[in-house]
Amino acid sequence: MEIEAPTATPTIPNAEETPTTIEMTLDQSEPVPRPDSTEPHPPIRHNDGILSKQ
């Protein structure tokens, strides 16, 4: 598990690239995130109920 500690160092630079992609995605998905977010929300709740029943 200690080996993962050094791996976190390279993750820092990658994290900087992550926000850039999110910003670009939000720009293109600006109008999409609103309906998209609403659709996945209800299905997620249904999935929770189905999983609980199982």
PDB file of N, CA and C in Angstrom:
ATOM      1  N   MET A   1       0.858  -1.201   0.000  1.00  0.00           N
ATOM      2  CA  MET A   1       0.000   0.000   0.000  1.00  0.00           C
ATOM      3  C   MET A   1       0.894   1.251   0.000  1.00  0.00           C
ATOM      4  N   GLU A   2       2.061   1.135   0.624  1.00  0.00           N
ATOM      5  CA  GLU A   2       2.972   2.295   0.668  1.00  0.00           C
ATOM      6  C   GLU A   2       3.444   2.643  -0.745  1.00  0.00           C
ATOM      7  N   ILE A   3       3.430   1.659  -1.627  1.00  0.00           N
ATOM      8  CA  ILE A   3       3.875   1.920  -3.012  1.00  0.00           C
ATOM      9  C   ILE A   3       2.910   2.919  -3.673  1.00  0.00           C
ATOM     10  N   GLU A   4       1.667   2.910  -3.232  1.00  0.00           N
ATOM     11  CA  GLU A   4       0.676   3.823  -3.844  1.00  0.00           C
ATOM     12  C   GLU A   4       0.995   5.277  -3.484  1.00  0.00           C
ATOM     13  N   ALA A   5       1.641   5.489  -2.364  1.00  0.00           N
ATOM     14  CA  ALA A   5       1.962   6.869  -1.934  1.00  0.00           C
ATOM     15  C   ALA A   5       2.761   7.590  -3.025  1.00  0.00           C
ATOM     16  N   PRO A   6       3.861   7.011  -3.505  1.00  0.00           N
ATOM     17  CA  PRO A   6       4.656   7.675  -4.561  1.00  0.00           C
ATOM     18  C   PRO A   6       3.838   7.860  -5.833  1.00  0.00           C
ATOM     19  N   THR A   7       2.920   6.968  -6.073  1.00  0.00           N
ATOM     20  CA  THR A   7       2.094   7.076  -7.286  1.00  0.00           C
ATOM     21  C   THR A   7       1.219   8.324  -7.225  1.00  0.00           C
ATOM     22  N   ALA A   8       0.926   8.786  -6.017  1.00  0.00           N
ATOM     23  CA  ALA A   8       0.067   9.976  -5.874  1.00  0.00           C
ATOM     24  C   ALA A   8       0.793  11.198  -6.436  1.00  0.00           C
ATOM     25  N   THR A   9       2.112  11.197  -6.401  1.00  0.00           N
ATOM     26  CA  THR A   9       2.863  12.362  -6.915  1.00  0.00           C
ATOM     27  C   THR A   9       2.534  12.602  -8.391  1.00  0.00           C
ATOM     28  N   PRO A  10       2.613  11.597  -9.253  1.00  0.00           N
ATOM     29  CA  PRO A  10       2.284  11.780 -10.681  1.00  0.00           C
ATOM     30  C   PRO A  10       0.803  12.125 -10.866  1.00  0.00           C
ATOM     31  N   THR A  11      -0.005  11.781  -9.903  1.00  0.00           N
ATOM     32  CA  THR A  11      -1.443  12.077 -10.022  1.00  0.00           C
ATOM     33  C   THR A  11      -1.687  13.578  -9.926  1.00  0.00           C
ATOM     34  N   ILE A  12      -0.834  14.292  -9.216  1.00  0.00           N
ATOM     35  CA  ILE A  12      -1.019  15.753  -9.059  1.00  0.00           C
ATOM     36  C   ILE A  12      -1.009  16.439 -10.433  1.00  0.00           C
ATOM     37  N   PRO A  13       0.003  16.162 -11.274  1.00  0.00           N
ATOM     38  CA  PRO A  13       0.048  16.797 -12.605  1.00  0.00           C
ATOM     39  C   PRO A  13      -1.153  16.367 -13.443  1.00  0.00           C
ATOM     40  N   ASN A  14      -1.547  15.132 -13.313  1.00  0.00           N
ATOM     41  CA  ASN A  14      -2.708  14.645 -14.071  1.00  0.00           C
ATOM     42  C   ASN A  14      -3.968  15.375 -13.632  1.00  0.00           C
ATOM     43  N   ALA A  15      -4.060  15.667 -12.347  1.00  0.00           N
ATOM     44  CA  ALA A  15      -5.249  16.357 -11.819  1.00  0.00           C
ATOM     45  C   ALA A  15      -5.399  17.702 -12.528  1.00  0.00           C
ATOM     46  N   GLU A  16      -4.275  18.336 -12.834  1.00  0.00           N
ATOM     47  CA  GLU A  16      -4.359  19.648 -13.512  1.00  0.00           C
ATOM     48  C   GLU A  16      -5.014  19.474 -14.879  1.00  0.00           C
ATOM     49  N   GLU A  17      -4.729  18.377 -15.544  1.00  0.00           N
ATOM     50  CA  GLU A  17      -5.323  18.147 -16.875  1.00  0.00           C
ATOM     51  C   GLU A  17      -6.799  17.764 -16.740  1.00  0.00           C
ATOM     52  N   THR A  18      -7.147  17.166 -15.631  1.00  0.00           N
ATOM     53  CA  THR A  18      -8.547  16.753 -15.435  1.00  0.00           C
ATOM     54  C   THR A  18      -9.487  17.956 -15.442  1.00  0.00           C
ATOM     55  N   PRO A  19      -9.181  18.998 -14.676  1.00  0.00           N
ATOM     56  CA  PRO A  19     -10.065  20.181 -14.637  1.00  0.00           C
ATOM     57  C   PRO A  19     -10.203  20.805 -16.020  1.00  0.00           C
ATOM     58  N   THR A  20      -9.126  20.773 -16.798  1.00  0.00           N
ATOM     59  CA  THR A  20      -9.182  21.361 -18.148  1.00  0.00           C
ATOM     60  C   THR A  20     -10.212  20.602 -18.984  1.00  0.00           C
ATOM     61  N   THR A  21     -10.203  19.291 -18.884  1.00  0.00           N
ATOM     62  CA  THR A  21     -11.160  18.495 -19.663  1.00  0.00           C
ATOM     63  C   THR A  21     -12.580  18.749 -19.169  1.00  0.00           C
ATOM     64  N   ILE A  22     -12.729  18.875 -17.867  1.00  0.00           N
ATOM     65  CA  ILE A  22     -14.069  19.124 -17.305  1.00  0.00           C
ATOM     66  C   ILE A  22     -14.595  20.460 -17.817  1.00  0.00           C
ATOM     67  N   GLU A  23     -13.716  21.462 -17.828  1.00  0.00           N
ATOM     68  CA  GLU A  23     -14.149  22.796 -18.296  1.00  0.00           C
ATOM     69  C   GLU A  23     -14.588  22.713 -19.755  1.00  0.00           C
ATOM     70  N   MET A  24     -13.812  22.029 -20.568  1.00  0.00           N
ATOM     71  CA  MET A  24     -14.162  21.909 -21.996  1.00  0.00           C
ATOM     72  C   MET A  24     -15.473  21.128 -22.136  1.00  0.00           C
ATOM     73  N   THR A  25     -15.613  20.075 -21.360  1.00  0.00           N
ATOM     74  CA  THR A  25     -16.840  19.271 -21.439  1.00  0.00           C
ATOM     75  C   THR A  25     -18.043  20.090 -20.989  1.00  0.00           C
ATOM     76  N   LEU A  26     -17.857  20.885 -19.938  1.00  0.00           N
ATOM     77  CA  LEU A  26     -18.972  21.703 -19.433  1.00  0.00           C
ATOM     78  C   LEU A  26     -19.363  22.731 -20.484  1.00  0.00           C
ATOM     79  N   ASP A  27     -18.366  23.268 -21.181  1.00  0.00           N
ATOM     80  CA  ASP A  27     -18.664  24.282 -22.207  1.00  0.00           C
ATOM     81  C   ASP A  27     -19.533  23.663 -23.301  1.00  0.00           C
ATOM     82  N   GLN A  28     -19.137  22.497 -23.787  1.00  0.00           N
ATOM     83  CA  GLN A  28     -19.888  21.852 -24.877  1.00  0.00           C
ATOM     84  C   GLN A  28     -21.170  21.209 -24.326  1.00  0.00           C
ATOM     85  N   SER A  29     -21.128  20.798 -23.087  1.00  0.00           N
ATOM     86  CA  SER A  29     -22.302  20.127 -22.494  1.00  0.00           C
ATOM     87  C   SER A  29     -23.099  21.104 -21.630  1.00  0.00           C
ATOM     88  N   GLU A  30     -22.865  22.389 -21.804  1.00  0.00           N
ATOM     89  CA  GLU A  30     -23.583  23.376 -20.961  1.00  0.00           C
ATOM     90  C   GLU A  30     -25.090  23.095 -20.968  1.00  0.00           C
ATOM     91  N   PRO A  31     -25.721  23.078 -22.131  1.00  0.00           N
ATOM     92  CA  PRO A  31     -27.173  22.825 -22.191  1.00  0.00           C
ATOM     93  C   PRO A  31     -27.480  21.339 -21.963  1.00  0.00           C
ATOM     94  N   VAL A  32     -26.507  20.488 -22.137  1.00  0.00           N
ATOM     95  CA  VAL A  32     -26.749  19.041 -21.978  1.00  0.00           C
ATOM     96  C   VAL A  32     -26.755  18.626 -20.505  1.00  0.00           C
ATOM     97  N   PRO A  33     -25.850  19.174 -19.689  1.00  0.00           N
ATOM     98  CA  PRO A  33     -25.786  18.763 -18.271  1.00  0.00           C
ATOM     99  C   PRO A  33     -27.114  18.961 -17.559  1.00  0.00           C
ATOM    100  N   ARG A  34     -27.873  19.973 -17.937  1.00  0.00           N
ATOM    101  CA  ARG A  34     -29.157  20.217 -17.236  1.00  0.00           C
ATOM    102  C   ARG A  34     -30.112  19.024 -17.444  1.00  0.00           C
ATOM    103  N   PRO A  35     -30.454  18.694 -18.673  1.00  0.00           N
ATOM    104  CA  PRO A  35     -31.365  17.550 -18.913  1.00  0.00           C
ATOM    105  C   PRO A  35     -30.677  16.230 -18.564  1.00  0.00           C
ATOM    106  N   ASP A  36     -29.396  16.114 -18.886  1.00  0.00           N
ATOM    107  CA  ASP A  36     -28.665  14.879 -18.608  1.00  0.00           C
ATOM    108  C   ASP A  36     -28.665  14.596 -17.103  1.00  0.00           C
ATOM    109  N   SER A  37     -28.407  15.645 -16.321  1.00  0.00           N
ATOM    110  CA  SER A  37     -28.339  15.472 -14.861  1.00  0.00           C
ATOM    111  C   SER A  37     -29.712  15.053 -14.326  1.00  0.00           C
ATOM    112  N   THR A  38     -30.761  15.595 -14.915  1.00  0.00           N
ATOM    113  CA  THR A  38     -32.117  15.270 -14.430  1.00  0.00           C
ATOM    114  C   THR A  38     -32.470  13.819 -14.785  1.00  0.00           C
ATOM    115  N   GLU A  39     -32.053  13.372 -15.953  1.00  0.00           N
ATOM    116  CA  GLU A  39     -32.403  11.999 -16.367  1.00  0.00           C
ATOM    117  C   GLU A  39     -31.701  10.956 -15.489  1.00  0.00           C
ATOM    118  N   PRO A  40     -30.380  11.066 -15.326  1.00  0.00           N
ATOM    119  CA  PRO A  40     -29.651  10.083 -14.505  1.00  0.00           C
ATOM    120  C   PRO A  40     -30.104  10.087 -13.048  1.00  0.00           C
ATOM    121  N   HIS A  41     -30.581  11.220 -12.566  1.00  0.00           N
ATOM    122  CA  HIS A  41     -30.992  11.279 -11.151  1.00  0.00           C
ATOM    123  C   HIS A  41     -32.119  10.274 -10.863  1.00  0.00           C
ATOM    124  N   PRO A  42     -33.222  10.313 -11.593  1.00  0.00           N
ATOM    125  CA  PRO A  42     -34.339   9.379 -11.338  1.00  0.00           C
ATOM    126  C   PRO A  42     -33.908   7.924 -11.515  1.00  0.00           C
ATOM    127  N   PRO A  43     -33.199   7.594 -12.595  1.00  0.00           N
ATOM    128  CA  PRO A  43     -32.762   6.201 -12.805  1.00  0.00           C
ATOM    129  C   PRO A  43     -31.893   5.718 -11.645  1.00  0.00           C
ATOM    130  N   ILE A  44     -31.035   6.592 -11.136  1.00  0.00           N
ATOM    131  CA  ILE A  44     -30.150   6.180 -10.026  1.00  0.00           C
ATOM    132  C   ILE A  44     -31.016   5.733  -8.840  1.00  0.00           C
ATOM    133  N   ARG A  45     -32.070   6.484  -8.560  1.00  0.00           N
ATOM    134  CA  ARG A  45     -32.934   6.128  -7.411  1.00  0.00           C
ATOM    135  C   ARG A  45     -33.622   4.789  -7.695  1.00  0.00           C
ATOM    136  N   HIS A  46     -34.075   4.600  -8.909  1.00  0.00           N
ATOM    137  CA  HIS A  46     -34.745   3.332  -9.248  1.00  0.00           C
ATOM    138  C   HIS A  46     -33.759   2.171  -9.080  1.00  0.00           C
ATOM    139  N   ASN A  47     -32.534   2.382  -9.545  1.00  0.00           N
ATOM    140  CA  ASN A  47     -31.519   1.329  -9.420  1.00  0.00           C
ATOM    141  C   ASN A  47     -31.305   0.992  -7.947  1.00  0.00           C
ATOM    142  N   ASP A  48     -31.276   2.016  -7.101  1.00  0.00           N
ATOM    143  CA  ASP A  48     -31.070   1.772  -5.664  1.00  0.00           C
ATOM    144  C   ASP A  48     -32.168   0.854  -5.131  1.00  0.00           C
ATOM    145  N   GLY A  49     -33.410   1.130  -5.509  1.00  0.00           N
ATOM    146  CA  GLY A  49     -34.540   0.322  -5.034  1.00  0.00           C
ATOM    147  C   GLY A  49     -34.428  -1.105  -5.562  1.00  0.00           C
ATOM    148  N   ILE A  50     -34.068  -1.243  -6.833  1.00  0.00           N
ATOM    149  CA  ILE A  50     -33.960  -2.585  -7.423  1.00  0.00           C
ATOM    150  C   ILE A  50     -32.850  -3.365  -6.707  1.00  0.00           C
ATOM    151  N   LEU A  51     -31.724  -2.696  -6.470  1.00  0.00           N
ATOM    152  CA  LEU A  51     -30.601  -3.372  -5.804  1.00  0.00           C
ATOM    153  C   LEU A  51     -31.012  -3.761  -4.380  1.00  0.00           C
ATOM    154  N   SER A  52     -31.746  -2.886  -3.722  1.00  0.00           N
ATOM    155  CA  SER A  52     -32.170  -3.170  -2.338  1.00  0.00           C
ATOM    156  C   SER A  52     -33.097  -4.392  -2.332  1.00  0.00           C
ATOM    157  N   LYS A  53     -33.989  -4.479  -3.318  1.00  0.00           N
ATOM    158  CA  LYS A  53     -34.928  -5.619  -3.376  1.00  0.00           C
ATOM    159  C   LYS A  53     -34.154  -6.917  -3.598  1.00  0.00           C
ATOM    160  N   GLN A  54     -33.158  -6.847  -4.459  1.00  0.00           N
ATOM    161  CA  GLN A  54     -32.381  -8.056  -4.736  1.00  0.00           C
ATOM    162  C   GLN A  54     -31.699  -8.497  -3.448  1.00  0.00           C
TER     163      GLN A  54
END
